[in-house]
Amino acid sequence: MKILLVDDHVIVRAGLRNLFMSVPGTHISEAATGRDALLRLRQDRPDLVLLDLNLPGIGGLELLRRMLQEDKGARILVLSMHAEPLYAARAMELGARGYLSKNASADELLTAVRRVTEGGRYIENEIAQELALHTVSPGHGLQDLTERDLEIMRLMAEGMSLAEIADALGIGYKTVANACSQIKARLGVTRTNELVRLAMTLGIA
């Protein structure tokens, strides 16, 4: 089984590599950025991609979209610091086969990997329960945002300008500016700094 680990933290990748060494016949490749991950996907054709959402440059949700454009059959399991059901919902809507927070145990991660590589799906139990109860950030309007909207908010919260975000996402400046205006309208804020603060408060940054 070939697994591609996509995470910008060396320590996290090392820990995951050590964990999977206990599984016979497992071969690991790694990527720290979205661009590297797309290259590894093309070259290695892994059986499973274990994807973090907080990545420099191309963010995880955008990368998830691009990976599935590259390979519609890619089996992608998200392993993220974000335990909010909003992220799980977006990832699954885009085509991820599973979603775990980094609070999950090693045993649960191995269970999720096995299920996804066998063609099934897996969502961490607590997140799945919240999704079932429709508790995705009521009152904030976040349910109306697209994965690209969330990515733009994340990059803004990291201090990137609209021009830098456009370059990172490979889209036009006007597209980013229009999206920013629409996000503000949906969330009921009028200033960019208010949008950045909201992103940080909600854990999007």
N, C-alpha and C. Protein backbone atom coordinates (compact mmCIF):
# COMPACT_ATOMS: atom_id res chain seq x y z
N MET A 1 0.85 -1.20 0.00
CA MET A 1 0.00 0.00 0.00
C MET A 1 0.88 1.24 0.00
N LYS A 2 0.61 2.15 -0.93
CA LYS A 2 1.37 3.40 -1.02
C LYS A 2 0.55 4.54 -0.41
N ILE A 3 1.13 5.23 0.57
CA ILE A 3 0.46 6.34 1.24
C ILE A 3 1.26 7.61 1.03
N LEU A 4 0.58 8.67 0.63
CA LEU A 4 1.19 9.99 0.50
C LEU A 4 0.77 10.84 1.70
N LEU A 5 1.75 11.29 2.49
CA LEU A 5 1.50 12.15 3.65
C LEU A 5 1.68 13.60 3.22
N VAL A 6 0.65 14.41 3.38
CA VAL A 6 0.72 15.82 3.00
C VAL A 6 0.51 16.67 4.25
N ASP A 7 1.61 17.20 4.78
CA ASP A 7 1.57 18.01 6.00
C ASP A 7 2.83 18.85 6.03
N ASP A 8 2.70 20.12 6.41
CA ASP A 8 3.88 20.99 6.39
C ASP A 8 4.73 20.88 7.65
N HIS A 9 4.33 20.06 8.60
CA HIS A 9 5.11 19.89 9.83
C HIS A 9 5.92 18.60 9.76
N VAL A 10 7.25 18.76 9.83
CA VAL A 10 8.15 17.61 9.73
C VAL A 10 7.88 16.60 10.84
N ILE A 11 7.64 17.11 12.05
CA ILE A 11 7.42 16.22 13.20
C ILE A 11 6.15 15.38 13.01
N VAL A 12 5.10 16.00 12.47
CA VAL A 12 3.85 15.27 12.23
C VAL A 12 4.08 14.17 11.21
N ARG A 13 4.77 14.51 10.12
CA ARG A 13 5.04 13.50 9.09
C ARG A 13 5.89 12.36 9.64
N ALA A 14 6.87 12.70 10.48
CA ALA A 14 7.72 11.67 11.07
C ALA A 14 6.91 10.74 11.97
N GLY A 15 6.00 11.31 12.75
CA GLY A 15 5.16 10.50 13.63
C GLY A 15 4.25 9.58 12.84
N LEU A 16 3.68 10.10 11.76
CA LEU A 16 2.80 9.28 10.92
C LEU A 16 3.59 8.18 10.22
N ARG A 17 4.78 8.53 9.76
CA ARG A 17 5.62 7.53 9.11
C ARG A 17 5.93 6.38 10.07
N ASN A 18 6.28 6.72 11.30
CA ASN A 18 6.57 5.69 12.30
C ASN A 18 5.36 4.82 12.58
N LEU A 19 4.17 5.45 12.62
CA LEU A 19 2.95 4.70 12.86
C LEU A 19 2.70 3.69 11.74
N PHE A 20 2.87 4.13 10.50
CA PHE A 20 2.55 3.26 9.38
C PHE A 20 3.63 2.20 9.13
N MET A 21 4.80 2.38 9.74
CA MET A 21 5.84 1.36 9.62
C MET A 21 5.39 0.04 10.26
N SER A 22 4.38 0.14 11.16
CA SER A 22 3.87 -1.07 11.81
C SER A 22 2.93 -1.86 10.91
N VAL A 23 2.58 -1.28 9.75
CA VAL A 23 1.68 -1.95 8.80
C VAL A 23 2.53 -2.57 7.69
N PRO A 24 2.58 -3.90 7.61
CA PRO A 24 3.42 -4.56 6.60
C PRO A 24 3.06 -4.14 5.17
N GLY A 25 4.08 -3.96 4.35
CA GLY A 25 3.86 -3.67 2.94
C GLY A 25 3.48 -2.24 2.64
N THR A 26 3.68 -1.33 3.61
CA THR A 26 3.32 0.07 3.42
C THR A 26 4.53 0.88 2.95
N HIS A 27 4.34 1.65 1.90
CA HIS A 27 5.39 2.52 1.38
C HIS A 27 4.92 3.98 1.51
N ILE A 28 5.77 4.82 2.08
CA ILE A 28 5.38 6.19 2.40
C ILE A 28 6.13 7.19 1.52
N SER A 29 5.40 8.17 0.98
CA SER A 29 6.01 9.35 0.36
C SER A 29 5.43 10.57 1.07
N GLU A 30 6.13 11.69 0.95
CA GLU A 30 5.75 12.88 1.73
C GLU A 30 5.76 14.13 0.87
N ALA A 31 4.93 15.09 1.29
CA ALA A 31 4.91 16.41 0.66
C ALA A 31 4.58 17.44 1.73
N ALA A 32 5.26 18.59 1.66
CA ALA A 32 5.04 19.65 2.65
C ALA A 32 4.20 20.80 2.10
N THR A 33 4.00 20.84 0.78
CA THR A 33 3.22 21.90 0.16
C THR A 33 2.25 21.29 -0.85
N GLY A 34 1.29 22.10 -1.25
CA GLY A 34 0.33 21.64 -2.23
C GLY A 34 0.97 21.31 -3.57
N ARG A 35 1.91 22.14 -3.99
CA ARG A 35 2.57 21.90 -5.29
C ARG A 35 3.34 20.58 -5.26
N ASP A 36 4.04 20.33 -4.16
CA ASP A 36 4.77 19.06 -4.03
C ASP A 36 3.80 17.89 -4.01
N ALA A 37 2.67 18.08 -3.34
CA ALA A 37 1.68 16.99 -3.24
C ALA A 37 1.13 16.62 -4.61
N LEU A 38 0.84 17.63 -5.44
CA LEU A 38 0.33 17.34 -6.78
C LEU A 38 1.37 16.60 -7.62
N LEU A 39 2.64 16.97 -7.45
CA LEU A 39 3.72 16.29 -8.16
C LEU A 39 3.82 14.83 -7.71
N ARG A 40 3.76 14.61 -6.41
CA ARG A 40 3.86 13.24 -5.87
C ARG A 40 2.65 12.41 -6.30
N LEU A 41 1.48 13.04 -6.36
CA LEU A 41 0.28 12.33 -6.80
C LEU A 41 0.45 11.82 -8.22
N ARG A 42 0.98 12.69 -9.08
CA ARG A 42 1.17 12.31 -10.49
C ARG A 42 2.22 11.21 -10.63
N GLN A 43 3.29 11.33 -9.87
CA GLN A 43 4.42 10.41 -10.04
C GLN A 43 4.21 9.07 -9.34
N ASP A 44 3.61 9.12 -8.12
CA ASP A 44 3.54 7.91 -7.29
C ASP A 44 2.21 7.16 -7.40
N ARG A 45 1.14 7.88 -7.77
CA ARG A 45 -0.20 7.29 -7.80
C ARG A 45 -0.47 6.49 -6.51
N PRO A 46 -0.48 7.17 -5.37
CA PRO A 46 -0.65 6.48 -4.09
C PRO A 46 -2.04 5.85 -3.95
N ASP A 47 -2.12 4.84 -3.11
CA ASP A 47 -3.41 4.20 -2.82
C ASP A 47 -4.24 5.07 -1.88
N LEU A 48 -3.55 5.92 -1.10
CA LEU A 48 -4.23 6.79 -0.13
C LEU A 48 -3.43 8.07 0.04
N VAL A 49 -4.14 9.19 0.10
CA VAL A 49 -3.53 10.47 0.44
C VAL A 49 -4.05 10.88 1.81
N LEU A 50 -3.12 11.13 2.74
CA LEU A 50 -3.49 11.62 4.07
C LEU A 50 -3.18 13.11 4.07
N LEU A 51 -4.23 13.92 4.10
CA LEU A 51 -4.11 15.35 3.79
C LEU A 51 -4.43 16.25 4.98
N ASP A 52 -3.48 17.13 5.30
CA ASP A 52 -3.74 18.20 6.27
C ASP A 52 -4.39 19.36 5.52
N LEU A 53 -5.19 20.16 6.21
CA LEU A 53 -5.85 21.28 5.55
C LEU A 53 -5.07 22.58 5.65
N ASN A 54 -4.25 22.73 6.68
CA ASN A 54 -3.49 23.97 6.87
C ASN A 54 -2.13 23.84 6.21
N LEU A 55 -2.05 24.29 4.97
CA LEU A 55 -0.81 24.20 4.21
C LEU A 55 -0.42 25.58 3.69
N PRO A 56 0.87 25.83 3.52
CA PRO A 56 1.29 27.10 2.93
C PRO A 56 0.94 27.14 1.45
N GLY A 57 0.63 28.33 0.94
CA GLY A 57 0.30 28.44 -0.49
C GLY A 57 -1.07 27.88 -0.77
N ILE A 58 -1.12 26.81 -1.56
CA ILE A 58 -2.40 26.16 -1.87
C ILE A 58 -2.92 25.49 -0.60
N GLY A 59 -4.05 25.94 -0.09
CA GLY A 59 -4.59 25.36 1.13
C GLY A 59 -5.20 23.99 0.89
N GLY A 60 -5.53 23.31 1.97
CA GLY A 60 -5.96 21.93 1.89
C GLY A 60 -7.23 21.71 1.09
N LEU A 61 -8.24 22.54 1.28
CA LEU A 61 -9.50 22.35 0.54
C LEU A 61 -9.31 22.57 -0.95
N GLU A 62 -8.54 23.60 -1.29
CA GLU A 62 -8.25 23.85 -2.70
C GLU A 62 -7.41 22.71 -3.28
N LEU A 63 -6.44 22.23 -2.49
CA LEU A 63 -5.61 21.12 -2.95
C LEU A 63 -6.45 19.86 -3.14
N LEU A 64 -7.38 19.63 -2.25
CA LEU A 64 -8.28 18.48 -2.37
C LEU A 64 -9.02 18.52 -3.70
N ARG A 65 -9.52 19.68 -4.04
CA ARG A 65 -10.23 19.87 -5.31
C ARG A 65 -9.31 19.56 -6.49
N ARG A 66 -8.09 20.10 -6.42
CA ARG A 66 -7.16 19.93 -7.55
C ARG A 66 -6.70 18.48 -7.68
N MET A 67 -6.51 17.81 -6.56
CA MET A 67 -6.10 16.41 -6.60
C MET A 67 -7.16 15.55 -7.28
N LEU A 68 -8.41 15.82 -6.97
CA LEU A 68 -9.49 15.02 -7.56
C LEU A 68 -9.72 15.39 -9.02
N GLN A 69 -9.35 16.60 -9.41
CA GLN A 69 -9.37 16.95 -10.83
C GLN A 69 -8.28 16.17 -11.56
N GLU A 70 -7.14 16.02 -10.89
CA GLU A 70 -6.01 15.28 -11.45
C GLU A 70 -6.30 13.78 -11.53
N ASP A 71 -6.92 13.25 -10.48
CA ASP A 71 -7.20 11.82 -10.40
C ASP A 71 -8.55 11.63 -9.70
N LYS A 72 -9.59 11.42 -10.47
CA LYS A 72 -10.95 11.31 -9.91
C LYS A 72 -11.08 10.15 -8.94
N GLY A 73 -10.22 9.15 -9.08
CA GLY A 73 -10.30 7.99 -8.20
C GLY A 73 -9.44 8.09 -6.96
N ALA A 74 -8.79 9.22 -6.75
CA ALA A 74 -7.90 9.37 -5.60
C ALA A 74 -8.67 9.19 -4.29
N ARG A 75 -8.11 8.40 -3.39
CA ARG A 75 -8.72 8.19 -2.08
C ARG A 75 -8.02 9.10 -1.09
N ILE A 76 -8.73 10.12 -0.66
CA ILE A 76 -8.14 11.16 0.19
C ILE A 76 -8.80 11.14 1.56
N LEU A 77 -7.99 10.99 2.57
CA LEU A 77 -8.44 11.02 3.96
C LEU A 77 -7.86 12.27 4.61
N VAL A 78 -8.72 13.17 5.05
CA VAL A 78 -8.27 14.41 5.67
C VAL A 78 -7.93 14.16 7.14
N LEU A 79 -6.75 14.63 7.56
CA LEU A 79 -6.34 14.59 8.96
C LEU A 79 -5.98 16.01 9.34
N SER A 80 -6.86 16.67 10.08
CA SER A 80 -6.74 18.11 10.28
C SER A 80 -6.82 18.49 11.75
N MET A 81 -6.23 19.65 12.06
CA MET A 81 -6.38 20.21 13.40
C MET A 81 -7.80 20.71 13.63
N HIS A 82 -8.55 20.91 12.57
CA HIS A 82 -9.91 21.44 12.67
C HIS A 82 -10.90 20.32 12.96
N ALA A 83 -11.52 20.39 14.13
CA ALA A 83 -12.53 19.40 14.50
C ALA A 83 -13.94 19.91 14.21
N GLU A 84 -14.04 21.14 13.68
CA GLU A 84 -15.35 21.71 13.40
C GLU A 84 -16.02 20.94 12.26
N PRO A 85 -17.29 20.59 12.41
CA PRO A 85 -17.99 19.84 11.37
C PRO A 85 -18.08 20.57 10.04
N LEU A 86 -17.97 21.91 10.06
CA LEU A 86 -18.00 22.67 8.82
C LEU A 86 -16.92 22.19 7.86
N TYR A 87 -15.72 21.99 8.38
CA TYR A 87 -14.61 21.57 7.52
C TYR A 87 -14.85 20.15 7.00
N ALA A 88 -15.34 19.29 7.87
CA ALA A 88 -15.62 17.91 7.45
C ALA A 88 -16.67 17.91 6.34
N ALA A 89 -17.70 18.72 6.51
CA ALA A 89 -18.76 18.77 5.51
C ALA A 89 -18.22 19.24 4.17
N ARG A 90 -17.39 20.29 4.18
CA ARG A 90 -16.83 20.81 2.94
C ARG A 90 -15.92 19.78 2.27
N ALA A 91 -15.08 19.13 3.10
CA ALA A 91 -14.14 18.15 2.55
C ALA A 91 -14.88 16.98 1.92
N MET A 92 -15.92 16.50 2.59
CA MET A 92 -16.67 15.36 2.06
C MET A 92 -17.46 15.76 0.81
N GLU A 93 -17.98 16.97 0.80
CA GLU A 93 -18.70 17.45 -0.38
C GLU A 93 -17.76 17.51 -1.59
N LEU A 94 -16.50 17.86 -1.35
CA LEU A 94 -15.53 17.95 -2.44
C LEU A 94 -15.09 16.58 -2.95
N GLY A 95 -15.28 15.56 -2.13
CA GLY A 95 -14.92 14.22 -2.57
C GLY A 95 -13.94 13.47 -1.70
N ALA A 96 -13.61 14.03 -0.52
CA ALA A 96 -12.77 13.28 0.41
C ALA A 96 -13.49 12.00 0.82
N ARG A 97 -12.71 10.96 1.10
CA ARG A 97 -13.30 9.68 1.51
C ARG A 97 -13.43 9.56 3.03
N GLY A 98 -12.79 10.50 3.74
CA GLY A 98 -12.87 10.43 5.20
C GLY A 98 -12.32 11.69 5.83
N TYR A 99 -12.62 11.85 7.12
CA TYR A 99 -12.20 13.05 7.84
C TYR A 99 -11.94 12.70 9.31
N LEU A 100 -10.73 13.05 9.77
CA LEU A 100 -10.35 12.87 11.17
C LEU A 100 -9.70 14.15 11.67
N SER A 101 -9.91 14.46 12.94
CA SER A 101 -9.14 15.53 13.55
C SER A 101 -7.85 14.94 14.10
N LYS A 102 -6.89 15.81 14.39
CA LYS A 102 -5.62 15.33 14.93
C LYS A 102 -5.74 14.94 16.39
N ASN A 103 -6.95 15.04 16.94
CA ASN A 103 -7.20 14.52 18.29
C ASN A 103 -7.51 13.03 18.27
N ALA A 104 -7.70 12.47 17.08
CA ALA A 104 -8.04 11.05 16.97
C ALA A 104 -6.87 10.18 17.44
N SER A 105 -7.20 9.00 17.94
CA SER A 105 -6.17 8.07 18.41
C SER A 105 -5.49 7.40 17.22
N ALA A 106 -4.32 6.83 17.49
CA ALA A 106 -3.60 6.09 16.45
C ALA A 106 -4.43 4.93 15.94
N ASP A 107 -5.12 4.25 16.85
CA ASP A 107 -5.96 3.11 16.44
C ASP A 107 -7.08 3.55 15.52
N GLU A 108 -7.70 4.70 15.83
CA GLU A 108 -8.79 5.18 14.99
C GLU A 108 -8.26 5.59 13.62
N LEU A 109 -7.07 6.19 13.59
CA LEU A 109 -6.47 6.58 12.31
C LEU A 109 -6.22 5.34 11.45
N LEU A 110 -5.66 4.30 12.05
CA LEU A 110 -5.41 3.07 11.29
C LEU A 110 -6.71 2.44 10.79
N THR A 111 -7.74 2.52 11.62
CA THR A 111 -9.06 2.01 11.21
C THR A 111 -9.58 2.80 10.01
N ALA A 112 -9.45 4.13 10.07
CA ALA A 112 -9.92 4.98 8.99
C ALA A 112 -9.15 4.70 7.70
N VAL A 113 -7.83 4.55 7.82
CA VAL A 113 -7.00 4.27 6.65
C VAL A 113 -7.41 2.95 6.02
N ARG A 114 -7.61 1.94 6.84
CA ARG A 114 -8.01 0.63 6.31
C ARG A 114 -9.36 0.71 5.60
N ARG A 115 -10.30 1.40 6.22
CA ARG A 115 -11.64 1.47 5.63
C ARG A 115 -11.62 2.22 4.30
N VAL A 116 -10.88 3.33 4.25
CA VAL A 116 -10.83 4.13 3.03
C VAL A 116 -10.10 3.39 1.92
N THR A 117 -9.00 2.73 2.24
CA THR A 117 -8.26 1.99 1.20
C THR A 117 -9.07 0.80 0.68
N GLU A 118 -10.00 0.33 1.49
CA GLU A 118 -10.87 -0.77 1.05
C GLU A 118 -12.08 -0.27 0.25
N GLY A 119 -12.15 1.05 0.06
CA GLY A 119 -13.23 1.61 -0.75
C GLY A 119 -14.36 2.23 0.05
N GLY A 120 -14.25 2.22 1.38
CA GLY A 120 -15.30 2.79 2.22
C GLY A 120 -15.05 4.24 2.58
N ARG A 121 -15.82 4.72 3.53
CA ARG A 121 -15.68 6.10 4.02
C ARG A 121 -15.58 6.07 5.54
N TYR A 122 -15.00 7.15 6.09
CA TYR A 122 -14.85 7.20 7.54
C TYR A 122 -14.84 8.65 8.00
N ILE A 123 -15.71 8.95 8.97
CA ILE A 123 -15.70 10.26 9.63
C ILE A 123 -15.59 10.02 11.13
N GLU A 124 -14.69 10.75 11.76
CA GLU A 124 -14.52 10.63 13.21
C GLU A 124 -15.87 10.73 13.91
N ASN A 125 -16.11 9.88 14.88
CA ASN A 125 -17.42 9.71 15.47
C ASN A 125 -18.04 11.01 15.98
N GLU A 126 -17.29 11.78 16.76
CA GLU A 126 -17.85 13.01 17.34
C GLU A 126 -18.23 14.01 16.24
N ILE A 127 -17.39 14.11 15.21
CA ILE A 127 -17.67 15.03 14.11
C ILE A 127 -18.91 14.55 13.35
N ALA A 128 -18.99 13.24 13.13
CA ALA A 128 -20.14 12.67 12.42
C ALA A 128 -21.44 12.96 13.17
N GLN A 129 -21.40 12.87 14.51
CA GLN A 129 -22.60 13.15 15.30
C GLN A 129 -23.02 14.60 15.15
N GLU A 130 -22.05 15.51 15.17
CA GLU A 130 -22.39 16.93 15.02
C GLU A 130 -22.95 17.21 13.63
N LEU A 131 -22.39 16.56 12.62
CA LEU A 131 -22.92 16.73 11.27
C LEU A 131 -24.37 16.24 11.19
N ALA A 132 -24.64 15.13 11.84
CA ALA A 132 -25.99 14.57 11.84
C ALA A 132 -26.99 15.48 12.53
N LEU A 133 -26.51 16.23 13.51
CA LEU A 133 -27.38 17.13 14.26
C LEU A 133 -27.45 18.53 13.65
N HIS A 134 -26.77 18.70 12.51
CA HIS A 134 -26.82 19.99 11.80
C HIS A 134 -26.36 21.14 12.69
N THR A 135 -25.23 20.95 13.35
CA THR A 135 -24.72 22.00 14.24
C THR A 135 -23.57 22.75 13.61
N VAL A 136 -23.56 22.88 12.29
CA VAL A 136 -22.46 23.56 11.62
C VAL A 136 -22.62 25.07 11.73
N SER A 137 -22.03 25.62 12.78
CA SER A 137 -21.91 27.07 12.98
C SER A 137 -23.18 27.86 12.68
N PRO A 138 -24.29 27.54 13.31
CA PRO A 138 -25.51 28.29 13.04
C PRO A 138 -25.35 29.75 13.44
N GLY A 139 -25.96 30.63 12.67
CA GLY A 139 -25.95 32.04 13.02
C GLY A 139 -24.78 32.82 12.44
N HIS A 140 -23.75 32.15 11.94
CA HIS A 140 -22.61 32.87 11.38
C HIS A 140 -22.69 33.00 9.87
N GLY A 141 -23.57 32.26 9.21
CA GLY A 141 -23.64 32.29 7.77
C GLY A 141 -22.55 31.48 7.11
N LEU A 142 -21.75 30.77 7.90
CA LEU A 142 -20.65 29.99 7.33
C LEU A 142 -21.14 28.87 6.43
N GLN A 143 -22.34 28.37 6.70
CA GLN A 143 -22.85 27.28 5.88
C GLN A 143 -23.05 27.71 4.43
N ASP A 144 -23.10 29.03 4.19
CA ASP A 144 -23.29 29.53 2.84
C ASP A 144 -21.98 29.74 2.10
N LEU A 145 -20.84 29.57 2.78
CA LEU A 145 -19.54 29.82 2.16
C LEU A 145 -19.06 28.57 1.41
N THR A 146 -18.38 28.82 0.31
CA THR A 146 -17.77 27.73 -0.45
C THR A 146 -16.39 27.42 0.13
N GLU A 147 -15.81 26.30 -0.34
CA GLU A 147 -14.47 25.97 0.12
C GLU A 147 -13.46 27.05 -0.28
N ARG A 148 -13.67 27.68 -1.44
CA ARG A 148 -12.76 28.75 -1.85
C ARG A 148 -12.92 29.97 -0.95
N ASP A 149 -14.15 30.28 -0.55
CA ASP A 149 -14.37 31.38 0.39
C ASP A 149 -13.59 31.15 1.68
N LEU A 150 -13.67 29.93 2.20
CA LEU A 150 -12.96 29.59 3.43
C LEU A 150 -11.45 29.71 3.24
N GLU A 151 -10.98 29.31 2.08
CA GLU A 151 -9.55 29.39 1.79
C GLU A 151 -9.10 30.84 1.72
N ILE A 152 -9.88 31.68 1.11
CA ILE A 152 -9.55 33.11 1.03
C ILE A 152 -9.52 33.72 2.43
N MET A 153 -10.49 33.36 3.27
CA MET A 153 -10.50 33.86 4.65
C MET A 153 -9.25 33.41 5.40
N ARG A 154 -8.86 32.16 5.20
CA ARG A 154 -7.68 31.64 5.90
C ARG A 154 -6.43 32.40 5.49
N LEU A 155 -6.27 32.63 4.20
CA LEU A 155 -5.08 33.32 3.70
C LEU A 155 -5.06 34.79 4.13
N MET A 156 -6.23 35.41 4.18
CA MET A 156 -6.31 36.78 4.68
C MET A 156 -5.88 36.86 6.14
N ALA A 157 -6.33 35.86 6.92
CA ALA A 157 -5.99 35.84 8.34
C ALA A 157 -4.50 35.60 8.56
N GLU A 158 -3.85 35.00 7.56
CA GLU A 158 -2.40 34.78 7.64
C GLU A 158 -1.62 36.02 7.22
N GLY A 159 -2.35 37.07 6.82
CA GLY A 159 -1.70 38.34 6.49
C GLY A 159 -1.42 38.55 5.02
N MET A 160 -1.95 37.69 4.16
CA MET A 160 -1.70 37.83 2.74
C MET A 160 -2.60 38.91 2.13
N SER A 161 -2.06 39.65 1.18
CA SER A 161 -2.86 40.64 0.45
C SER A 161 -3.73 39.93 -0.58
N LEU A 162 -4.70 40.68 -1.14
CA LEU A 162 -5.57 40.08 -2.15
C LEU A 162 -4.77 39.64 -3.37
N ALA A 163 -3.75 40.43 -3.73
CA ALA A 163 -2.91 40.07 -4.87
C ALA A 163 -2.14 38.78 -4.59
N GLU A 164 -1.63 38.65 -3.37
CA GLU A 164 -0.89 37.43 -3.00
C GLU A 164 -1.81 36.22 -2.97
N ILE A 165 -3.05 36.43 -2.50
CA ILE A 165 -4.02 35.32 -2.48
C ILE A 165 -4.35 34.89 -3.90
N ALA A 166 -4.54 35.85 -4.79
CA ALA A 166 -4.83 35.53 -6.18
C ALA A 166 -3.70 34.69 -6.79
N ASP A 167 -2.46 35.08 -6.48
CA ASP A 167 -1.31 34.34 -7.01
C ASP A 167 -1.25 32.93 -6.42
N ALA A 168 -1.51 32.82 -5.11
CA ALA A 168 -1.44 31.52 -4.43
C ALA A 168 -2.50 30.55 -4.96
N LEU A 169 -3.69 31.08 -5.26
CA LEU A 169 -4.79 30.23 -5.71
C LEU A 169 -4.86 30.08 -7.22
N GLY A 170 -4.02 30.87 -7.93
CA GLY A 170 -4.02 30.77 -9.38
C GLY A 170 -5.27 31.35 -10.02
N ILE A 171 -5.84 32.41 -9.40
CA ILE A 171 -7.03 33.05 -9.96
C ILE A 171 -6.77 34.55 -10.07
N GLY A 172 -7.66 35.27 -10.73
CA GLY A 172 -7.47 36.70 -10.95
C GLY A 172 -7.70 37.53 -9.69
N TYR A 173 -7.06 38.69 -9.67
CA TYR A 173 -7.22 39.61 -8.53
C TYR A 173 -8.69 40.01 -8.36
N LYS A 174 -9.36 40.32 -9.47
CA LYS A 174 -10.76 40.75 -9.40
C LYS A 174 -11.64 39.64 -8.84
N THR A 175 -11.31 38.39 -9.16
CA THR A 175 -12.07 37.25 -8.64
C THR A 175 -11.97 37.19 -7.12
N VAL A 176 -10.75 37.41 -6.62
CA VAL A 176 -10.55 37.40 -5.16
C VAL A 176 -11.26 38.57 -4.52
N ALA A 177 -11.15 39.76 -5.12
CA ALA A 177 -11.78 40.96 -4.54
C ALA A 177 -13.30 40.80 -4.51
N ASN A 178 -13.87 40.27 -5.59
CA ASN A 178 -15.33 40.05 -5.62
C ASN A 178 -15.75 39.02 -4.58
N ALA A 179 -14.95 37.95 -4.46
CA ALA A 179 -15.26 36.92 -3.47
C ALA A 179 -15.21 37.50 -2.06
N CYS A 180 -14.22 38.35 -1.81
CA CYS A 180 -14.09 38.98 -0.49
C CYS A 180 -15.32 39.82 -0.17
N SER A 181 -15.81 40.56 -1.15
CA SER A 181 -17.02 41.37 -0.94
C SER A 181 -18.23 40.49 -0.65
N GLN A 182 -18.34 39.39 -1.37
CA GLN A 182 -19.46 38.47 -1.15
C GLN A 182 -19.39 37.80 0.22
N ILE A 183 -18.18 37.46 0.64
CA ILE A 183 -18.00 36.85 1.97
C ILE A 183 -18.44 37.82 3.05
N LYS A 184 -18.03 39.06 2.93
CA LYS A 184 -18.41 40.08 3.92
C LYS A 184 -19.93 40.20 3.99
N ALA A 185 -20.57 40.22 2.83
CA ALA A 185 -22.03 40.35 2.80
C ALA A 185 -22.70 39.16 3.48
N ARG A 186 -22.19 37.96 3.22
CA ARG A 186 -22.80 36.76 3.79
C ARG A 186 -22.61 36.71 5.30
N LEU A 187 -21.48 37.22 5.78
CA LEU A 187 -21.18 37.14 7.21
C LEU A 187 -21.59 38.40 7.97
N GLY A 188 -22.09 39.40 7.26
CA GLY A 188 -22.58 40.60 7.92
C GLY A 188 -21.49 41.51 8.45
N VAL A 189 -20.33 41.53 7.80
CA VAL A 189 -19.26 42.45 8.20
C VAL A 189 -18.99 43.40 7.05
N THR A 190 -18.43 44.56 7.37
CA THR A 190 -18.22 45.57 6.34
C THR A 190 -16.75 45.85 6.05
N ARG A 191 -15.88 45.56 7.00
CA ARG A 191 -14.46 45.87 6.83
C ARG A 191 -13.61 44.60 6.77
N THR A 192 -12.51 44.72 6.06
CA THR A 192 -11.63 43.57 5.91
C THR A 192 -11.06 43.12 7.24
N ASN A 193 -10.68 44.09 8.10
CA ASN A 193 -10.10 43.70 9.39
C ASN A 193 -11.11 42.96 10.27
N GLU A 194 -12.41 43.28 10.11
CA GLU A 194 -13.45 42.56 10.84
C GLU A 194 -13.54 41.12 10.33
N LEU A 195 -13.39 40.95 9.02
CA LEU A 195 -13.44 39.62 8.43
C LEU A 195 -12.26 38.77 8.91
N VAL A 196 -11.09 39.39 8.99
CA VAL A 196 -9.89 38.69 9.47
C VAL A 196 -10.08 38.26 10.92
N ARG A 197 -10.60 39.16 11.75
CA ARG A 197 -10.82 38.82 13.17
C ARG A 197 -11.83 37.68 13.30
N LEU A 198 -12.88 37.72 12.47
CA LEU A 198 -13.88 36.66 12.52
C LEU A 198 -13.27 35.32 12.12
N ALA A 199 -12.43 35.33 11.10
CA ALA A 199 -11.77 34.10 10.67
C ALA A 199 -10.92 33.52 11.80
N MET A 200 -10.22 34.37 12.51
CA MET A 200 -9.37 33.91 13.60
C MET A 200 -10.22 33.41 14.78
N THR A 201 -11.31 34.10 15.06
CA THR A 201 -12.20 33.69 16.15
C THR A 201 -12.82 32.33 15.89
N LEU A 202 -13.17 32.07 14.63
CA LEU A 202 -13.83 30.82 14.27
C LEU A 202 -12.83 29.69 14.00
N GLY A 203 -11.55 30.00 14.14
CA GLY A 203 -10.54 28.96 13.94
C GLY A 203 -10.26 28.65 12.49
N ILE A 204 -10.62 29.56 11.58
CA ILE A 204 -10.36 29.34 10.17
C ILE A 204 -8.91 29.62 9.83
N ALA A 205 -8.28 30.51 10.57
CA ALA A 205 -6.89 30.86 10.28
C ALA A 205 -5.98 29.70 10.66
